[in-house]
């Protein structure tokens, strides 16, 4: 079977350091059972209180961001993810 250009993953909980409960919001774009494209750097975004540090952990990588004055944050994983048929959290 030919390997497809998409990587099947399950986006579960995104770990965030020092965020107060109820403030952090990951964009509704990110959902369970998503398929991510292999070989591309993945960008994740959302909202929290202004000036907060946000860390996103996925598939043995971590990407960090700081919210702007409006509370928006965006971060990109440094390395593209490898092909995998195994769901990830």
N, C-alpha and C. Protein backbone atom coordinates (compact mmCIF):
# COMPACT_ATOMS: atom_id res chain seq x y z
N UNK A 1 0.84 -1.18 0.00
CA UNK A 1 0.00 0.00 0.00
C UNK A 1 0.88 1.25 0.00
N UNK A 2 0.61 2.17 -0.86
CA UNK A 2 1.40 3.39 -0.97
C UNK A 2 1.13 4.31 0.22
N UNK A 3 2.20 4.86 0.75
CA UNK A 3 2.06 5.78 1.89
C UNK A 3 1.46 7.09 1.40
N UNK A 4 0.41 7.51 2.04
CA UNK A 4 -0.27 8.75 1.65
C UNK A 4 0.54 9.95 2.12
N UNK A 5 0.25 11.09 1.54
CA UNK A 5 0.98 12.30 1.90
C UNK A 5 0.49 12.92 3.20
N UNK A 6 -0.52 12.32 3.76
CA UNK A 6 -1.03 12.85 5.02
C UNK A 6 -0.68 11.93 6.17
N UNK A 7 -0.40 12.49 7.30
CA UNK A 7 -0.06 11.77 8.51
C UNK A 7 -1.30 11.73 9.40
N UNK A 8 -1.73 10.51 9.74
CA UNK A 8 -2.92 10.37 10.56
C UNK A 8 -2.53 10.47 12.03
N UNK A 9 -3.10 11.45 12.69
CA UNK A 9 -2.79 11.65 14.11
C UNK A 9 -4.05 12.04 14.87
N UNK A 10 -4.02 11.85 16.11
CA UNK A 10 -5.10 12.31 16.97
C UNK A 10 -4.54 13.42 17.83
N UNK A 11 -5.11 14.61 17.68
CA UNK A 11 -4.69 15.72 18.53
C UNK A 11 -5.53 15.67 19.80
N UNK A 12 -4.86 15.44 20.86
CA UNK A 12 -5.56 15.36 22.14
C UNK A 12 -5.35 16.62 22.92
N UNK A 13 -5.11 16.44 24.15
CA UNK A 13 -4.90 17.59 25.04
C UNK A 13 -3.57 18.25 24.75
N UNK A 14 -3.55 19.55 24.71
CA UNK A 14 -2.32 20.31 24.54
C UNK A 14 -1.90 20.80 25.93
N UNK A 15 -0.69 20.43 26.30
CA UNK A 15 -0.22 20.81 27.63
C UNK A 15 0.24 22.26 27.61
N UNK A 16 -0.14 22.98 28.61
CA UNK A 16 0.21 24.39 28.69
C UNK A 16 0.74 24.69 30.08
N UNK A 17 1.92 25.32 30.13
CA UNK A 17 2.51 25.63 31.41
C UNK A 17 1.98 26.91 32.02
N UNK A 18 1.61 26.83 33.26
CA UNK A 18 1.23 27.98 34.07
C UNK A 18 0.00 28.74 33.59
N UNK A 19 -0.86 28.13 32.83
CA UNK A 19 -2.08 28.81 32.39
C UNK A 19 -3.19 28.55 33.41
N UNK A 20 -3.92 29.56 33.73
CA UNK A 20 -5.03 29.40 34.67
C UNK A 20 -6.18 28.70 33.96
N UNK A 21 -6.89 27.87 34.69
CA UNK A 21 -8.01 27.13 34.11
C UNK A 21 -9.03 28.11 33.55
N UNK A 22 -9.51 27.83 32.36
CA UNK A 22 -10.53 28.66 31.75
C UNK A 22 -10.00 29.78 30.88
N UNK A 23 -8.73 30.16 30.99
CA UNK A 23 -8.19 31.24 30.18
C UNK A 23 -7.68 30.75 28.82
N UNK A 24 -7.06 29.60 28.80
CA UNK A 24 -6.45 29.10 27.58
C UNK A 24 -7.49 28.56 26.61
N UNK A 25 -7.34 28.94 25.34
CA UNK A 25 -8.21 28.40 24.29
C UNK A 25 -7.35 28.13 23.06
N UNK A 26 -7.40 26.90 22.59
CA UNK A 26 -6.75 26.55 21.34
C UNK A 26 -7.78 26.76 20.25
N UNK A 27 -7.34 27.25 19.10
CA UNK A 27 -8.27 27.51 18.01
C UNK A 27 -9.17 26.31 17.75
N UNK A 28 -10.43 26.56 17.42
CA UNK A 28 -11.39 25.50 17.11
C UNK A 28 -10.96 24.69 15.89
N UNK A 29 -10.02 25.21 15.14
CA UNK A 29 -9.47 24.49 13.98
C UNK A 29 -8.88 23.15 14.42
N UNK A 30 -8.28 23.12 15.59
CA UNK A 30 -7.61 21.91 16.10
C UNK A 30 -8.61 21.01 16.79
N UNK A 31 -8.79 19.81 16.25
CA UNK A 31 -9.78 18.88 16.77
C UNK A 31 -9.21 17.46 16.85
N UNK A 32 -9.90 16.60 17.57
CA UNK A 32 -9.52 15.19 17.62
C UNK A 32 -9.64 14.59 16.21
N UNK A 33 -8.83 13.59 15.95
CA UNK A 33 -8.85 12.81 14.71
C UNK A 33 -8.44 13.62 13.47
N UNK A 34 -7.66 14.67 13.68
CA UNK A 34 -7.16 15.45 12.54
C UNK A 34 -6.08 14.66 11.81
N UNK A 35 -5.87 15.02 10.57
CA UNK A 35 -4.80 14.46 9.76
C UNK A 35 -3.87 15.62 9.41
N UNK A 36 -2.60 15.47 9.77
CA UNK A 36 -1.62 16.52 9.49
C UNK A 36 -0.76 16.13 8.31
N UNK A 37 -0.36 17.11 7.53
CA UNK A 37 0.47 16.83 6.36
C UNK A 37 1.91 16.58 6.79
N UNK A 38 2.49 15.52 6.26
CA UNK A 38 3.88 15.20 6.58
C UNK A 38 4.80 16.18 5.85
N UNK A 39 5.99 16.34 6.40
CA UNK A 39 7.00 17.18 5.76
C UNK A 39 6.74 18.67 5.86
N UNK A 40 5.76 19.08 6.63
CA UNK A 40 5.44 20.50 6.79
C UNK A 40 5.58 20.89 8.25
N UNK A 41 6.05 22.10 8.49
CA UNK A 41 6.10 22.61 9.85
C UNK A 41 4.67 22.99 10.25
N UNK A 42 4.22 22.50 11.39
CA UNK A 42 2.85 22.70 11.85
C UNK A 42 2.79 23.89 12.80
N UNK A 43 1.85 24.80 12.53
CA UNK A 43 1.63 25.97 13.36
C UNK A 43 0.33 25.78 14.14
N UNK A 44 0.38 26.08 15.44
CA UNK A 44 -0.78 25.98 16.33
C UNK A 44 -1.01 27.37 16.91
N UNK A 45 -2.29 27.76 17.11
CA UNK A 45 -2.58 29.09 17.62
C UNK A 45 -3.80 29.04 18.52
N UNK A 46 -3.97 30.13 19.26
CA UNK A 46 -5.11 30.22 20.17
C UNK A 46 -5.10 31.52 20.93
N UNK A 47 -5.74 31.50 22.10
CA UNK A 47 -5.87 32.71 22.90
C UNK A 47 -5.74 32.37 24.37
N UNK A 48 -5.19 33.29 25.13
CA UNK A 48 -5.04 33.19 26.58
C UNK A 48 -4.97 34.62 27.10
N UNK A 49 -4.74 34.79 28.37
CA UNK A 49 -4.59 36.13 28.93
C UNK A 49 -3.31 36.77 28.36
N UNK A 50 -3.29 38.08 28.17
CA UNK A 50 -2.10 38.75 27.65
C UNK A 50 -0.86 38.51 28.51
N UNK A 51 0.28 38.34 27.85
CA UNK A 51 1.56 38.18 28.54
C UNK A 51 1.85 36.80 29.08
N UNK A 52 1.04 35.81 28.79
CA UNK A 52 1.26 34.46 29.29
C UNK A 52 2.17 33.67 28.37
N UNK A 53 2.90 32.73 28.96
CA UNK A 53 3.72 31.78 28.21
C UNK A 53 2.88 30.54 27.92
N UNK A 54 2.98 30.05 26.70
CA UNK A 54 2.23 28.87 26.27
C UNK A 54 3.22 27.87 25.70
N UNK A 55 3.12 26.61 26.11
CA UNK A 55 3.94 25.53 25.56
C UNK A 55 3.01 24.47 24.99
N UNK A 56 3.26 24.08 23.75
CA UNK A 56 2.46 23.05 23.10
C UNK A 56 3.37 21.84 22.90
N UNK A 57 2.91 20.68 23.38
CA UNK A 57 3.70 19.44 23.29
C UNK A 57 2.94 18.47 22.39
N UNK A 58 3.65 17.93 21.39
CA UNK A 58 3.03 16.96 20.49
C UNK A 58 4.11 16.10 19.85
N UNK A 59 3.92 14.80 19.87
CA UNK A 59 4.80 13.84 19.19
C UNK A 59 6.29 14.11 19.49
N UNK A 60 6.62 14.22 20.76
CA UNK A 60 7.99 14.42 21.22
C UNK A 60 8.61 15.75 20.80
N UNK A 61 7.80 16.73 20.49
CA UNK A 61 8.29 18.07 20.19
C UNK A 61 7.55 19.07 21.07
N UNK A 62 8.21 20.19 21.33
CA UNK A 62 7.60 21.28 22.09
C UNK A 62 7.79 22.57 21.32
N UNK A 63 6.74 23.38 21.27
CA UNK A 63 6.81 24.70 20.66
C UNK A 63 6.28 25.70 21.69
N UNK A 64 6.95 26.83 21.80
CA UNK A 64 6.62 27.83 22.82
C UNK A 64 6.18 29.14 22.19
N UNK A 65 5.34 29.87 22.93
CA UNK A 65 4.88 31.19 22.48
C UNK A 65 4.57 32.03 23.69
N UNK A 66 4.43 33.33 23.48
CA UNK A 66 3.96 34.26 24.49
C UNK A 66 2.80 35.03 23.90
N UNK A 67 1.73 35.17 24.65
CA UNK A 67 0.56 35.88 24.14
C UNK A 67 0.87 37.36 23.95
N UNK A 68 0.24 37.94 22.93
CA UNK A 68 0.43 39.37 22.67
C UNK A 68 -0.50 40.19 23.57
N UNK A 69 -0.56 41.50 23.34
CA UNK A 69 -1.36 42.37 24.20
C UNK A 69 -2.86 42.09 24.10
N UNK A 70 -3.28 41.43 23.03
CA UNK A 70 -4.69 41.04 22.87
C UNK A 70 -4.95 39.61 23.33
N UNK A 71 -3.90 38.92 23.77
CA UNK A 71 -4.04 37.56 24.27
C UNK A 71 -3.89 36.47 23.22
N UNK A 72 -3.59 36.84 21.98
CA UNK A 72 -3.42 35.84 20.93
C UNK A 72 -2.01 35.28 20.94
N UNK A 73 -1.88 33.99 20.64
CA UNK A 73 -0.57 33.34 20.56
C UNK A 73 -0.55 32.44 19.33
N UNK A 74 0.67 32.22 18.82
CA UNK A 74 0.89 31.35 17.67
C UNK A 74 2.29 30.79 17.78
N UNK A 75 2.44 29.51 17.52
CA UNK A 75 3.76 28.88 17.58
C UNK A 75 3.85 27.80 16.51
N UNK A 76 5.06 27.56 16.03
CA UNK A 76 5.30 26.57 14.98
C UNK A 76 6.32 25.56 15.47
N UNK A 77 6.02 24.27 15.27
CA UNK A 77 6.99 23.23 15.62
C UNK A 77 8.20 23.34 14.70
N UNK A 78 9.40 23.20 15.27
CA UNK A 78 10.64 23.42 14.55
C UNK A 78 10.89 22.38 13.45
N UNK A 79 10.48 21.16 13.67
CA UNK A 79 10.74 20.08 12.71
C UNK A 79 9.42 19.52 12.18
N UNK A 80 9.38 19.19 10.87
CA UNK A 80 8.19 18.51 10.36
C UNK A 80 8.05 17.15 11.04
N UNK A 81 6.83 16.66 11.16
CA UNK A 81 6.60 15.37 11.79
C UNK A 81 6.81 14.25 10.79
N UNK A 82 7.32 13.13 11.29
CA UNK A 82 7.57 11.97 10.45
C UNK A 82 6.26 11.25 10.13
N UNK A 83 6.29 10.44 9.09
CA UNK A 83 5.13 9.63 8.72
C UNK A 83 4.85 8.63 9.84
N UNK A 84 3.58 8.51 10.20
CA UNK A 84 3.20 7.58 11.24
C UNK A 84 1.73 7.22 11.08
N UNK A 85 1.43 5.95 11.25
CA UNK A 85 0.03 5.50 11.23
C UNK A 85 -0.49 5.36 12.67
N UNK A 86 0.37 5.68 13.63
CA UNK A 86 0.02 5.57 15.04
C UNK A 86 -0.61 6.87 15.53
N UNK A 87 -1.79 6.81 16.13
CA UNK A 87 -2.38 8.03 16.69
C UNK A 87 -1.47 8.67 17.72
N UNK A 88 -1.46 9.97 17.78
CA UNK A 88 -0.63 10.74 18.72
C UNK A 88 -1.52 11.61 19.57
N UNK A 89 -1.04 11.92 20.77
CA UNK A 89 -1.75 12.84 21.66
C UNK A 89 -0.87 14.03 21.95
